[in-house]
Amino acid sequence: RQIFTNLIKSLSPKPFLFEAEAPKSVEVSIFHQKENERYLINVVNFQNELPNIPVEGIVLRVRLDGKRPERLISLPENKEIPYEIKGDCLELTVPKLETLLMMALDYK
């Protein structure tokens, strides 16, 4: 699996928009709303056997490409989520994930 991941990374002309350290049952998707200066980030925990076992410790990195983050919030609660800036990436540890977490990353 690691060899395949490294092969795909080596074929990409530039780094991926995001990376996630998560179990196989977790999917991450990011949608860019350029007109709103916002990324919508969805993290889904979908396991073969239900109910889902909550997942903790997911690390997510979003490449900023020079953008300056203003805030990261959970949706629809509008609760602030802490993050760190490491180089040109925003890094966060996703809060305990039951099934779905939607977030908005506003930037300038």
PDB file of N, CA and C in Angstrom:
ATOM      1  N   ARG A   1       0.831  -1.192   0.000  1.00  0.00           N
ATOM      2  CA  ARG A   1       0.000   0.000   0.000  1.00  0.00           C
ATOM      3  C   ARG A   1       0.876   1.257   0.000  1.00  0.00           C
ATOM      4  N   GLN A   2       1.916   1.265   0.837  1.00  0.00           N
ATOM      5  CA  GLN A   2       2.796   2.436   0.904  1.00  0.00           C
ATOM      6  C   GLN A   2       3.532   2.641  -0.412  1.00  0.00           C
ATOM      7  N   ILE A   3       3.954   1.556  -1.054  1.00  0.00           N
ATOM      8  CA  ILE A   3       4.647   1.660  -2.347  1.00  0.00           C
ATOM      9  C   ILE A   3       3.710   2.275  -3.384  1.00  0.00           C
ATOM     10  N   PHE A   4       2.463   1.823  -3.418  1.00  0.00           N
ATOM     11  CA  PHE A   4       1.485   2.376  -4.364  1.00  0.00           C
ATOM     12  C   PHE A   4       1.254   3.857  -4.096  1.00  0.00           C
ATOM     13  N   THR A   5       1.117   4.226  -2.834  1.00  0.00           N
ATOM     14  CA  THR A   5       0.920   5.633  -2.469  1.00  0.00           C
ATOM     15  C   THR A   5       2.101   6.479  -2.921  1.00  0.00           C
ATOM     16  N   ASN A   6       3.309   6.000  -2.671  1.00  0.00           N
ATOM     17  CA  ASN A   6       4.508   6.737  -3.087  1.00  0.00           C
ATOM     18  C   ASN A   6       4.587   6.858  -4.602  1.00  0.00           C
ATOM     19  N   LEU A   7       4.186   5.819  -5.331  1.00  0.00           N
ATOM     20  CA  LEU A   7       4.184   5.857  -6.794  1.00  0.00           C
ATOM     21  C   LEU A   7       3.226   6.936  -7.309  1.00  0.00           C
ATOM     22  N   ILE A   8       2.023   6.960  -6.763  1.00  0.00           N
ATOM     23  CA  ILE A   8       1.036   7.967  -7.172  1.00  0.00           C
ATOM     24  C   ILE A   8       1.553   9.372  -6.867  1.00  0.00           C
ATOM     25  N   LYS A   9       2.126   9.574  -5.692  1.00  0.00           N
ATOM     26  CA  LYS A   9       2.674  10.885  -5.332  1.00  0.00           C
ATOM     27  C   LYS A   9       3.787  11.300  -6.285  1.00  0.00           C
ATOM     28  N   SER A  10       4.629  10.353  -6.686  1.00  0.00           N
ATOM     29  CA  SER A  10       5.742  10.688  -7.574  1.00  0.00           C
ATOM     30  C   SER A  10       5.262  11.069  -8.976  1.00  0.00           C
ATOM     31  N   LEU A  11       4.084  10.614  -9.383  1.00  0.00           N
ATOM     32  CA  LEU A  11       3.542  10.930 -10.706  1.00  0.00           C
ATOM     33  C   LEU A  11       2.812  12.272 -10.748  1.00  0.00           C
ATOM     34  N   SER A  12       2.482  12.813  -9.599  1.00  0.00           N
ATOM     35  CA  SER A  12       1.760  14.078  -9.541  1.00  0.00           C
ATOM     36  C   SER A  12       2.727  15.243  -9.753  1.00  0.00           C
ATOM     37  N   PRO A  13       2.370  16.201 -10.641  1.00  0.00           N
ATOM     38  CA  PRO A  13       3.263  17.330 -10.893  1.00  0.00           C
ATOM     39  C   PRO A  13       3.418  18.273  -9.702  1.00  0.00           C
ATOM     40  N   LYS A  14       2.447  18.298  -8.805  1.00  0.00           N
ATOM     41  CA  LYS A  14       2.560  19.111  -7.595  1.00  0.00           C
ATOM     42  C   LYS A  14       1.888  18.363  -6.450  1.00  0.00           C
ATOM     43  N   PRO A  15       2.146  18.764  -5.209  1.00  0.00           N
ATOM     44  CA  PRO A  15       1.557  18.044  -4.066  1.00  0.00           C
ATOM     45  C   PRO A  15       0.026  18.056  -4.128  1.00  0.00           C
ATOM     46  N   PHE A  16      -0.569  17.029  -3.544  1.00  0.00           N
ATOM     47  CA  PHE A  16      -2.027  16.947  -3.492  1.00  0.00           C
ATOM     48  C   PHE A  16      -2.595  18.060  -2.626  1.00  0.00           C
ATOM     49  N   LEU A  17      -3.863  18.403  -2.862  1.00  0.00           N
ATOM     50  CA  LEU A  17      -4.520  19.453  -2.086  1.00  0.00           C
ATOM     51  C   LEU A  17      -4.630  19.062  -0.620  1.00  0.00           C
ATOM     52  N   PHE A  18      -4.835  17.773  -0.345  1.00  0.00           N
ATOM     53  CA  PHE A  18      -4.939  17.353   1.045  1.00  0.00           C
ATOM     54  C   PHE A  18      -4.391  15.945   1.215  1.00  0.00           C
ATOM     55  N   GLU A  19      -4.043  15.638   2.458  1.00  0.00           N
ATOM     56  CA  GLU A  19      -3.622  14.297   2.859  1.00  0.00           C
ATOM     57  C   GLU A  19      -4.332  13.964   4.155  1.00  0.00           C
ATOM     58  N   ALA A  20      -4.627  12.678   4.339  1.00  0.00           N
ATOM     59  CA  ALA A  20      -5.270  12.244   5.576  1.00  0.00           C
ATOM     60  C   ALA A  20      -4.600  10.991   6.090  1.00  0.00           C
ATOM     61  N   GLU A  21      -4.362  10.967   7.378  1.00  0.00           N
ATOM     62  CA  GLU A  21      -3.913   9.757   8.065  1.00  0.00           C
ATOM     63  C   GLU A  21      -5.134   9.227   8.796  1.00  0.00           C
ATOM     64  N   ALA A  22      -5.757   8.194   8.195  1.00  0.00           N
ATOM     65  CA  ALA A  22      -7.030   7.700   8.718  1.00  0.00           C
ATOM     66  C   ALA A  22      -7.199   6.229   8.361  1.00  0.00           C
ATOM     67  N   PRO A  23      -8.064   5.528   9.101  1.00  0.00           N
ATOM     68  CA  PRO A  23      -8.373   4.138   8.747  1.00  0.00           C
ATOM     69  C   PRO A  23      -9.051   4.057   7.376  1.00  0.00           C
ATOM     70  N   LYS A  24      -9.070   2.854   6.806  1.00  0.00           N
ATOM     71  CA  LYS A  24      -9.668   2.647   5.478  1.00  0.00           C
ATOM     72  C   LYS A  24     -11.147   3.023   5.418  1.00  0.00           C
ATOM     73  N   SER A  25     -11.835   2.957   6.526  1.00  0.00           N
ATOM     74  CA  SER A  25     -13.273   3.237   6.523  1.00  0.00           C
ATOM     75  C   SER A  25     -13.586   4.733   6.405  1.00  0.00           C
ATOM     76  N   VAL A  26     -12.566   5.580   6.471  1.00  0.00           N
ATOM     77  CA  VAL A  26     -12.779   7.023   6.469  1.00  0.00           C
ATOM     78  C   VAL A  26     -12.491   7.598   5.076  1.00  0.00           C
ATOM     79  N   GLU A  27     -13.436   8.382   4.576  1.00  0.00           N
ATOM     80  CA  GLU A  27     -13.269   9.082   3.299  1.00  0.00           C
ATOM     81  C   GLU A  27     -13.263  10.575   3.559  1.00  0.00           C
ATOM     82  N   VAL A  28     -12.408  11.285   2.828  1.00  0.00           N
ATOM     83  CA  VAL A  28     -12.328  12.742   2.942  1.00  0.00           C
ATOM     84  C   VAL A  28     -12.551  13.328   1.551  1.00  0.00           C
ATOM     85  N   SER A  29     -13.389  14.351   1.482  1.00  0.00           N
ATOM     86  CA  SER A  29     -13.566  15.093   0.230  1.00  0.00           C
ATOM     87  C   SER A  29     -13.530  16.584   0.543  1.00  0.00           C
ATOM     88  N   ILE A  30     -12.964  17.325  -0.393  1.00  0.00           N
ATOM     89  CA  ILE A  30     -12.861  18.778  -0.223  1.00  0.00           C
ATOM     90  C   ILE A  30     -13.400  19.445  -1.475  1.00  0.00           C
ATOM     91  N   PHE A  31     -14.255  20.440  -1.275  1.00  0.00           N
ATOM     92  CA  PHE A  31     -14.814  21.215  -2.365  1.00  0.00           C
ATOM     93  C   PHE A  31     -14.379  22.667  -2.198  1.00  0.00           C
ATOM     94  N   HIS A  32     -13.881  23.243  -3.267  1.00  0.00           N
ATOM     95  CA  HIS A  32     -13.399  24.627  -3.214  1.00  0.00           C
ATOM     96  C   HIS A  32     -14.492  25.561  -3.701  1.00  0.00           C
ATOM     97  N   GLN A  33     -14.894  26.494  -2.852  1.00  0.00           N
ATOM     98  CA  GLN A  33     -15.835  27.547  -3.225  1.00  0.00           C
ATOM     99  C   GLN A  33     -15.025  28.828  -3.392  1.00  0.00           C
ATOM    100  N   LYS A  34     -14.412  28.958  -4.557  1.00  0.00           N
ATOM    101  CA  LYS A  34     -13.500  30.070  -4.813  1.00  0.00           C
ATOM    102  C   LYS A  34     -14.182  31.418  -4.596  1.00  0.00           C
ATOM    103  N   GLU A  35     -15.426  31.538  -5.058  1.00  0.00           N
ATOM    104  CA  GLU A  35     -16.148  32.809  -4.941  1.00  0.00           C
ATOM    105  C   GLU A  35     -16.416  33.200  -3.495  1.00  0.00           C
ATOM    106  N   ASN A  36     -16.468  32.210  -2.591  1.00  0.00           N
ATOM    107  CA  ASN A  36     -16.695  32.468  -1.167  1.00  0.00           C
ATOM    108  C   ASN A  36     -15.406  32.413  -0.343  1.00  0.00           C
ATOM    109  N   GLU A  37     -14.272  32.188  -1.012  1.00  0.00           N
ATOM    110  CA  GLU A  37     -12.986  32.010  -0.328  1.00  0.00           C
ATOM    111  C   GLU A  37     -13.127  30.992   0.801  1.00  0.00           C
ATOM    112  N   ARG A  38     -13.565  29.790   0.415  1.00  0.00           N
ATOM    113  CA  ARG A  38     -13.881  28.757   1.398  1.00  0.00           C
ATOM    114  C   ARG A  38     -13.652  27.366   0.803  1.00  0.00           C
ATOM    115  N   TYR A  39     -13.157  26.473   1.658  1.00  0.00           N
ATOM    116  CA  TYR A  39     -13.116  25.049   1.345  1.00  0.00           C
ATOM    117  C   TYR A  39     -14.151  24.373   2.223  1.00  0.00           C
ATOM    118  N   LEU A  40     -14.961  23.506   1.642  1.00  0.00           N
ATOM    119  CA  LEU A  40     -15.870  22.661   2.407  1.00  0.00           C
ATOM    120  C   LEU A  40     -15.211  21.291   2.518  1.00  0.00           C
ATOM    121  N   ILE A  41     -15.050  20.817   3.728  1.00  0.00           N
ATOM    122  CA  ILE A  41     -14.338  19.566   3.990  1.00  0.00           C
ATOM    123  C   ILE A  41     -15.318  18.585   4.626  1.00  0.00           C
ATOM    124  N   ASN A  42     -15.443  17.414   4.013  1.00  0.00           N
ATOM    125  CA  ASN A  42     -16.327  16.374   4.530  1.00  0.00           C
ATOM    126  C   ASN A  42     -15.499  15.159   4.909  1.00  0.00           C
ATOM    127  N   VAL A  43     -15.712  14.660   6.115  1.00  0.00           N
ATOM    128  CA  VAL A  43     -15.033  13.466   6.596  1.00  0.00           C
ATOM    129  C   VAL A  43     -16.123  12.463   6.971  1.00  0.00           C
ATOM    130  N   VAL A  44     -16.094  11.296   6.314  1.00  0.00           N
ATOM    131  CA  VAL A  44     -17.147  10.295   6.502  1.00  0.00           C
ATOM    132  C   VAL A  44     -16.540   8.994   7.006  1.00  0.00           C
ATOM    133  N   ASN A  45     -17.126   8.450   8.048  1.00  0.00           N
ATOM    134  CA  ASN A  45     -16.742   7.154   8.597  1.00  0.00           C
ATOM    135  C   ASN A  45     -17.837   6.170   8.211  1.00  0.00           C
ATOM    136  N   PHE A  46     -17.546   5.298   7.245  1.00  0.00           N
ATOM    137  CA  PHE A  46     -18.546   4.335   6.789  1.00  0.00           C
ATOM    138  C   PHE A  46     -17.940   2.942   6.840  1.00  0.00           C
ATOM    139  N   GLN A  47     -18.355   2.186   7.822  1.00  0.00           N
ATOM    140  CA  GLN A  47     -17.813   0.855   8.043  1.00  0.00           C
ATOM    141  C   GLN A  47     -18.768  -0.209   7.518  1.00  0.00           C
ATOM    142  N   ASN A  48     -18.237  -1.395   7.217  1.00  0.00           N
ATOM    143  CA  ASN A  48     -19.057  -2.480   6.677  1.00  0.00           C
ATOM    144  C   ASN A  48     -20.128  -2.924   7.657  1.00  0.00           C
ATOM    145  N   GLU A  49     -19.761  -3.001   8.918  1.00  0.00           N
ATOM    146  CA  GLU A  49     -20.728  -3.411   9.930  1.00  0.00           C
ATOM    147  C   GLU A  49     -21.210  -2.200  10.696  1.00  0.00           C
ATOM    148  N   LEU A  50     -22.525  -2.090  10.807  1.00  0.00           N
ATOM    149  CA  LEU A  50     -23.107  -0.969  11.529  1.00  0.00           C
ATOM    150  C   LEU A  50     -23.567  -1.440  12.905  1.00  0.00           C
ATOM    151  N   PRO A  51     -23.605  -0.620  13.900  1.00  0.00           N
ATOM    152  CA  PRO A  51     -23.277   0.806  13.871  1.00  0.00           C
ATOM    153  C   PRO A  51     -21.766   1.030  13.780  1.00  0.00           C
ATOM    154  N   ASN A  52     -21.400   2.200  13.256  1.00  0.00           N
ATOM    155  CA  ASN A  52     -19.994   2.570  13.145  1.00  0.00           C
ATOM    156  C   ASN A  52     -19.333   2.618  14.514  1.00  0.00           C
ATOM    157  N   ILE A  53     -18.085   2.212  14.542  1.00  0.00           N
ATOM    158  CA  ILE A  53     -17.262   2.414  15.732  1.00  0.00           C
ATOM    159  C   ILE A  53     -16.619   3.780  15.563  1.00  0.00           C
ATOM    160  N   PRO A  54     -16.756   4.694  16.530  1.00  0.00           N
ATOM    161  CA  PRO A  54     -16.162   6.026  16.390  1.00  0.00           C
ATOM    162  C   PRO A  54     -14.649   5.943  16.162  1.00  0.00           C
ATOM    163  N   VAL A  55     -14.132   6.881  15.380  1.00  0.00           N
ATOM    164  CA  VAL A  55     -12.716   6.929  15.036  1.00  0.00           C
ATOM    165  C   VAL A  55     -12.125   8.210  15.620  1.00  0.00           C
ATOM    166  N   GLU A  56     -10.943   8.074  16.221  1.00  0.00           N
ATOM    167  CA  GLU A  56     -10.241   9.238  16.768  1.00  0.00           C
ATOM    168  C   GLU A  56      -8.828   9.282  16.215  1.00  0.00           C
ATOM    169  N   GLY A  57      -8.201  10.449  16.296  1.00  0.00           N
ATOM    170  CA  GLY A  57      -6.806  10.590  15.904  1.00  0.00           C
ATOM    171  C   GLY A  57      -6.571  10.753  14.420  1.00  0.00           C
ATOM    172  N   ILE A  58      -7.590  11.101  13.652  1.00  0.00           N
ATOM    173  CA  ILE A  58      -7.417  11.330  12.212  1.00  0.00           C
ATOM    174  C   ILE A  58      -6.669  12.643  12.031  1.00  0.00           C
ATOM    175  N   VAL A  59      -5.581  12.602  11.294  1.00  0.00           N
ATOM    176  CA  VAL A  59      -4.813  13.811  11.010  1.00  0.00           C
ATOM    177  C   VAL A  59      -5.077  14.203   9.560  1.00  0.00           C
ATOM    178  N   LEU A  60      -5.439  15.457   9.354  1.00  0.00           N
ATOM    179  CA  LEU A  60      -5.764  15.978   8.036  1.00  0.00           C
ATOM    180  C   LEU A  60      -4.877  17.178   7.746  1.00  0.00           C
ATOM    181  N   ARG A  61      -4.283  17.202   6.558  1.00  0.00           N
ATOM    182  CA  ARG A  61      -3.462  18.330   6.115  1.00  0.00           C
ATOM    183  C   ARG A  61      -4.041  18.885   4.829  1.00  0.00           C
ATOM    184  N   VAL A  62      -4.229  20.212   4.784  1.00  0.00           N
ATOM    185  CA  VAL A  62      -4.748  20.891   3.603  1.00  0.00           C
ATOM    186  C   VAL A  62      -3.679  21.866   3.121  1.00  0.00           C
ATOM    187  N   ARG A  63      -3.280  21.720   1.853  1.00  0.00           N
ATOM    188  CA  ARG A  63      -2.281  22.624   1.272  1.00  0.00           C
ATOM    189  C   ARG A  63      -2.933  23.983   1.037  1.00  0.00           C
ATOM    190  N   LEU A  64      -2.258  25.040   1.445  1.00  0.00           N
ATOM    191  CA  LEU A  64      -2.844  26.387   1.393  1.00  0.00           C
ATOM    192  C   LEU A  64      -2.476  27.167   0.132  1.00  0.00           C
ATOM    193  N   ASP A  65      -1.393  26.823  -0.520  1.00  0.00           N
ATOM    194  CA  ASP A  65      -0.958  27.549  -1.720  1.00  0.00           C
ATOM    195  C   ASP A  65      -0.956  29.059  -1.510  1.00  0.00           C
ATOM    196  N   GLY A  66      -0.418  29.494  -0.379  1.00  0.00           N
ATOM    197  CA  GLY A  66      -0.308  30.922  -0.104  1.00  0.00           C
ATOM    198  C   GLY A  66      -1.547  31.557   0.494  1.00  0.00           C
ATOM    199  N   LYS A  67      -2.646  30.812   0.609  1.00  0.00           N
ATOM    200  CA  LYS A  67      -3.862  31.359   1.223  1.00  0.00           C
ATOM    201  C   LYS A  67      -3.642  31.468   2.727  1.00  0.00           C
ATOM    202  N   ARG A  68      -4.298  32.452   3.335  1.00  0.00           N
ATOM    203  CA  ARG A  68      -4.181  32.665   4.777  1.00  0.00           C
ATOM    204  C   ARG A  68      -5.504  32.254   5.442  1.00  0.00           C
ATOM    205  N   PRO A  69      -5.485  31.190   6.249  1.00  0.00           N
ATOM    206  CA  PRO A  69      -6.734  30.742   6.874  1.00  0.00           C
ATOM    207  C   PRO A  69      -7.272  31.781   7.855  1.00  0.00           C
ATOM    208  N   GLU A  70      -8.568  31.969   7.813  1.00  0.00           N
ATOM    209  CA  GLU A  70      -9.250  32.886   8.731  1.00  0.00           C
ATOM    210  C   GLU A  70      -9.868  32.122   9.898  1.00  0.00           C
ATOM    211  N   ARG A  71     -10.558  31.001   9.563  1.00  0.00           N
ATOM    212  CA  ARG A  71     -11.178  30.182  10.602  1.00  0.00           C
ATOM    213  C   ARG A  71     -11.540  28.823  10.018  1.00  0.00           C
ATOM    214  N   LEU A  72     -11.612  27.848  10.909  1.00  0.00           N
ATOM    215  CA  LEU A  72     -12.052  26.502  10.569  1.00  0.00           C
ATOM    216  C   LEU A  72     -13.179  26.172  11.527  1.00  0.00           C
ATOM    217  N   ILE A  73     -14.352  25.864  10.973  1.00  0.00           N
ATOM    218  CA  ILE A  73     -15.526  25.607  11.811  1.00  0.00           C
ATOM    219  C   ILE A  73     -16.206  24.307  11.401  1.00  0.00           C
ATOM    220  N   SER A  74     -16.899  23.700  12.369  1.00  0.00           N
ATOM    221  CA  SER A  74     -17.747  22.550  12.051  1.00  0.00           C
ATOM    222  C   SER A  74     -19.094  23.088  11.574  1.00  0.00           C
ATOM    223  N   LEU A  75     -19.715  22.343  10.690  1.00  0.00           N
ATOM    224  CA  LEU A  75     -21.028  22.719  10.168  1.00  0.00           C
ATOM    225  C   LEU A  75     -22.037  21.656  10.559  1.00  0.00           C
ATOM    226  N   PRO A  76     -23.216  21.997  10.909  1.00  0.00           N
ATOM    227  CA  PRO A  76     -23.826  23.323  10.931  1.00  0.00           C
ATOM    228  C   PRO A  76     -23.661  24.062  12.259  1.00  0.00           C
ATOM    229  N   GLU A  77     -22.884  23.507  13.195  1.00  0.00           N
ATOM    230  CA  GLU A  77     -22.783  24.087  14.540  1.00  0.00           C
ATOM    231  C   GLU A  77     -22.016  25.403  14.596  1.00  0.00           C
ATOM    232  N   ASN A  78     -21.172  25.665  13.601  1.00  0.00           N
ATOM    233  CA  ASN A  78     -20.291  26.847  13.583  1.00  0.00           C
ATOM    234  C   ASN A  78     -19.342  26.876  14.778  1.00  0.00           C
ATOM    235  N   LYS A  79     -18.926  25.700  15.229  1.00  0.00           N
ATOM    236  CA  LYS A  79     -17.998  25.595  16.349  1.00  0.00           C
ATOM    237  C   LYS A  79     -16.567  25.630  15.806  1.00  0.00           C
ATOM    238  N   GLU A  80     -15.726  26.490  16.400  1.00  0.00           N
ATOM    239  CA  GLU A  80     -14.327  26.611  15.977  1.00  0.00           C
ATOM    240  C   GLU A  80     -13.582  25.297  16.208  1.00  0.00           C
ATOM    241  N   ILE A  81     -12.746  24.920  15.251  1.00  0.00           N
ATOM    242  CA  ILE A  81     -11.913  23.727  15.353  1.00  0.00           C
ATOM    243  C   ILE A  81     -10.460  24.195  15.351  1.00  0.00           C
ATOM    244  N   PRO A  82      -9.680  23.779  16.344  1.00  0.00           N
ATOM    245  CA  PRO A  82      -8.276  24.216  16.397  1.00  0.00           C
ATOM    246  C   PRO A  82      -7.444  23.568  15.288  1.00  0.00           C
ATOM    247  N   TYR A  83      -6.427  24.300  14.832  1.00  0.00           N
ATOM    248  CA  TYR A  83      -5.531  23.802  13.791  1.00  0.00           C
ATOM    249  C   TYR A  83      -4.166  24.444  13.975  1.00  0.00           C
ATOM    250  N   GLU A  84      -3.184  23.926  13.241  1.00  0.00           N
ATOM    251  CA  GLU A  84      -1.839  24.477  13.230  1.00  0.00           C
ATOM    252  C   GLU A  84      -1.445  24.729  11.779  1.00  0.00           C
ATOM    253  N   ILE A  85      -0.556  25.680  11.589  1.00  0.00           N
ATOM    254  CA  ILE A  85       0.028  25.913  10.276  1.00  0.00           C
ATOM    255  C   ILE A  85       1.424  25.316  10.301  1.00  0.00           C
ATOM    256  N   LYS A  86       1.683  24.416   9.364  1.00  0.00           N
ATOM    257  CA  LYS A  86       3.000  23.785   9.252  1.00  0.00           C
ATOM    258  C   LYS A  86       3.468  23.961   7.815  1.00  0.00           C
ATOM    259  N   GLY A  87       4.413  24.891   7.627  1.00  0.00           N
ATOM    260  CA  GLY A  87       4.854  25.199   6.267  1.00  0.00           C
ATOM    261  C   GLY A  87       3.708  25.828   5.502  1.00  0.00           C
ATOM    262  N   ASP A  88       3.359  25.252   4.355  1.00  0.00           N
ATOM    263  CA  ASP A  88       2.252  25.770   3.545  1.00  0.00           C
ATOM    264  C   ASP A  88       0.998  24.906   3.724  1.00  0.00           C
ATOM    265  N   CYS A  89       0.883  24.237   4.872  1.00  0.00           N
ATOM    266  CA  CYS A  89      -0.267  23.365   5.118  1.00  0.00           C
ATOM    267  C   CYS A  89      -0.959  23.729   6.427  1.00  0.00           C
ATOM    268  N   LEU A  90      -2.261  23.590   6.406  1.00  0.00           N
ATOM    269  CA  LEU A  90      -3.052  23.646   7.624  1.00  0.00           C
ATOM    270  C   LEU A  90      -3.169  22.204   8.100  1.00  0.00           C
ATOM    271  N   GLU A  91      -2.883  21.950   9.360  1.00  0.00           N
ATOM    272  CA  GLU A  91      -2.964  20.591   9.901  1.00  0.00           C
ATOM    273  C   GLU A  91      -3.900  20.577  11.093  1.00  0.00           C
ATOM    274  N   LEU A  92      -4.760  19.569  11.135  1.00  0.00           N
ATOM    275  CA  LEU A  92      -5.662  19.435  12.259  1.00  0.00           C
ATOM    276  C   LEU A  92      -5.840  17.973  12.602  1.00  0.00           C
ATOM    277  N   THR A  93      -6.172  17.737  13.848  1.00  0.00           N
ATOM    278  CA  THR A  93      -6.609  16.417  14.279  1.00  0.00           C
ATOM    279  C   THR A  93      -8.123  16.485  14.354  1.00  0.00           C
ATOM    280  N   VAL A  94      -8.760  15.675  13.545  1.00  0.00           N
ATOM    281  CA  VAL A  94     -10.220  15.692  13.433  1.00  0.00           C
ATOM    282  C   VAL A  94     -10.830  15.280  14.769  1.00  0.00           C
ATOM    283  N   PRO A  95     -11.858  16.025  15.239  1.00  0.00           N
ATOM    284  CA  PRO A  95     -12.541  15.607  16.464  1.00  0.00           C
ATOM    285  C   PRO A  95     -13.114  14.199  16.297  1.00  0.00           C
ATOM    286  N   LYS A  96     -13.429  13.555  17.402  1.00  0.00           N
ATOM    287  CA  LYS A  96     -13.990  12.197  17.374  1.00  0.00           C
ATOM    288  C   LYS A  96     -15.046  12.097  16.279  1.00  0.00           C
ATOM    289  N   LEU A  97     -14.873  11.125  15.391  1.00  0.00           N
ATOM    290  CA  LEU A  97     -15.753  10.982  14.228  1.00  0.00           C
ATOM    291  C   LEU A  97     -16.680   9.798  14.411  1.00  0.00           C
ATOM    292  N   GLU A  98     -17.968  10.091  14.549  1.00  0.00           N
ATOM    293  CA  GLU A  98     -18.970   9.027  14.620  1.00  0.00           C
ATOM    294  C   GLU A  98     -19.273   8.552  13.193  1.00  0.00           C
ATOM    295  N   THR A  99     -19.918   9.400  12.407  1.00  0.00           N
ATOM    296  CA  THR A  99     -20.269   9.060  11.030  1.00  0.00           C
ATOM    297  C   THR A  99     -19.870  10.159  10.059  1.00  0.00           C
ATOM    298  N   LEU A 100     -20.235  11.406  10.337  1.00  0.00           N
ATOM    299  CA  LEU A 100     -19.992  12.499   9.400  1.00  0.00           C
ATOM    300  C   LEU A 100     -19.552  13.752  10.138  1.00  0.00           C
ATOM    301  N   LEU A 101     -18.538  14.395   9.581  1.00  0.00           N
ATOM    302  CA  LEU A 101     -18.122  15.708  10.068  1.00  0.00           C
ATOM    303  C   LEU A 101     -17.978  16.614   8.857  1.00  0.00           C
ATOM    304  N   MET A 102     -18.697  17.721   8.877  1.00  0.00           N
ATOM    305  CA  MET A 102     -18.579  18.728   7.824  1.00  0.00           C
ATOM    306  C   MET A 102     -17.894  19.943   8.429  1.00  0.00           C
ATOM    307  N   MET A 103     -16.914  20.486   7.677  1.00  0.00           N
ATOM    308  CA  MET A 103     -16.190  21.654   8.142  1.00  0.00           C
ATOM    309  C   MET A 103     -16.091  22.674   7.026  1.00  0.00           C
ATOM    310  N   ALA A 104     -15.888  23.926   7.415  1.00  0.00           N
ATOM    311  CA  ALA A 104     -15.641  25.002   6.465  1.00  0.00           C
ATOM    312  C   ALA A 104     -14.339  25.682   6.867  1.00  0.00           C
ATOM    313  N   LEU A 105     -13.466  25.836   5.879  1.00  0.00           N
ATOM    314  CA  LEU A 105     -12.201  26.540   6.071  1.00  0.00           C
ATOM    315  C   LEU A 105     -12.282  27.829   5.270  1.00  0.00           C
ATOM    316  N   ASP A 106     -12.433  28.943   5.977  1.00  0.00           N
ATOM    317  CA  ASP A 106     -12.463  30.261   5.331  1.00  0.00           C
ATOM    318  C   ASP A 106     -11.048  30.813   5.262  1.00  0.00           C
ATOM    319  N   TYR A 107     -10.717  31.437   4.148  1.00  0.00           N
ATOM    320  CA  TYR A 107      -9.363  31.966   3.961  1.00  0.00           C
ATOM    321  C   TYR A 107      -9.412  33.329   3.274  1.00  0.00           C
ATOM    322  N   LYS A 108      -8.268  33.987   3.268  1.00  0.00           N
ATOM    323  CA  LYS A 108      -8.103  35.249   2.529  1.00  0.00           C
ATOM    324  C   LYS A 108      -6.966  35.089   1.568  1.00  0.00           C
TER     325      LYS A 108
END
